[in-house]
Amino acid sequence: MVDHFIGGTPRVLRLTLLAPDIVEAILDGTQGDKVTLARVLEPFPVEWEAQPAYFGELGRSRHS
């Protein structure tokens, strides 16, 4: 069990590198279609300025 947790730790820790506006959009539910759990667990640009181009438009409602 511990080996399984440790193996996934680097992927989860990458979530701390998300730009604050992307985190806020996720918490608000307005992150857009390209910001998925699968996508944020893959390698993404760590520079906050490059993340909007990678993840796409923010601010759209998931229900509209």
Protein backbone atom coordinates (compact mmCIF):
# COMPACT_ATOMS: atom_id res chain seq x y z
CA MET A 1 0.00 0.00 0.00
CA VAL A 2 2.77 2.46 0.87
CA ASP A 3 4.59 1.72 -2.41
CA HIS A 4 1.44 2.57 -4.35
CA PHE A 5 1.05 5.89 -2.54
CA ILE A 6 4.70 6.88 -2.96
CA GLY A 7 4.61 6.06 -6.67
CA GLY A 8 1.79 8.55 -7.25
CA THR A 9 3.20 11.28 -5.03
CA PRO A 10 5.20 13.15 -7.71
CA ARG A 11 2.12 13.41 -9.94
CA VAL A 12 -0.01 14.77 -7.11
CA LEU A 13 2.70 17.18 -5.98
CA ARG A 14 2.71 18.70 -9.49
CA LEU A 15 -0.75 20.04 -8.69
CA THR A 16 0.94 22.54 -6.38
CA LEU A 17 2.52 24.07 -9.51
CA LEU A 18 -0.81 25.11 -11.02
CA ALA A 19 -1.25 28.86 -11.45
CA PRO A 20 -3.52 30.45 -8.82
CA ASP A 21 -6.11 31.49 -11.43
CA ILE A 22 -6.38 27.90 -12.65
CA VAL A 23 -6.79 26.61 -9.09
CA GLU A 24 -9.47 29.24 -8.47
CA ALA A 25 -11.30 28.26 -11.67
CA ILE A 26 -11.22 24.59 -10.62
CA LEU A 27 -12.65 25.44 -7.21
CA ASP A 28 -15.34 27.62 -8.82
CA GLY A 29 -16.17 24.95 -11.41
CA THR A 30 -15.36 27.31 -14.29
CA GLN A 31 -12.13 25.71 -15.45
CA GLY A 32 -13.17 24.84 -18.98
CA ASP A 33 -13.17 21.52 -20.78
CA LYS A 34 -9.39 21.03 -21.10
CA VAL A 35 -8.68 21.18 -17.35
CA THR A 36 -9.39 17.60 -16.35
CA LEU A 37 -7.89 15.45 -13.61
CA ALA A 38 -6.20 13.27 -16.22
CA ARG A 39 -4.69 16.33 -17.90
CA VAL A 40 -3.39 17.99 -14.73
CA LEU A 41 -1.76 14.72 -13.67
CA GLU A 42 0.22 14.68 -16.94
CA PRO A 43 3.31 16.87 -17.29
CA PHE A 44 2.31 20.49 -17.94
CA PRO A 45 4.25 23.76 -18.14
CA VAL A 46 5.33 24.87 -14.68
CA GLU A 47 5.53 28.52 -15.71
CA TRP A 48 2.22 30.12 -14.76
CA GLU A 49 2.31 32.33 -17.87
CA ALA A 50 2.43 29.26 -20.15
CA GLN A 51 -0.40 27.35 -18.49
CA PRO A 52 -3.37 29.21 -20.04
CA ALA A 53 -2.14 28.29 -23.52
CA TYR A 54 -1.78 24.66 -22.46
CA PHE A 55 -5.06 24.32 -20.57
CA GLY A 56 -7.18 26.60 -22.73
CA GLU A 57 -9.88 29.08 -21.86
CA LEU A 58 -10.85 29.59 -18.24
CA GLY A 59 -14.00 31.12 -16.88
CA ARG A 60 -16.55 29.12 -18.83
CA SER A 61 -19.23 27.39 -16.87
CA ARG A 62 -19.15 23.62 -17.13
CA HIS A 63 -22.95 23.66 -17.31
CA SER A 64 -23.47 26.17 -20.11
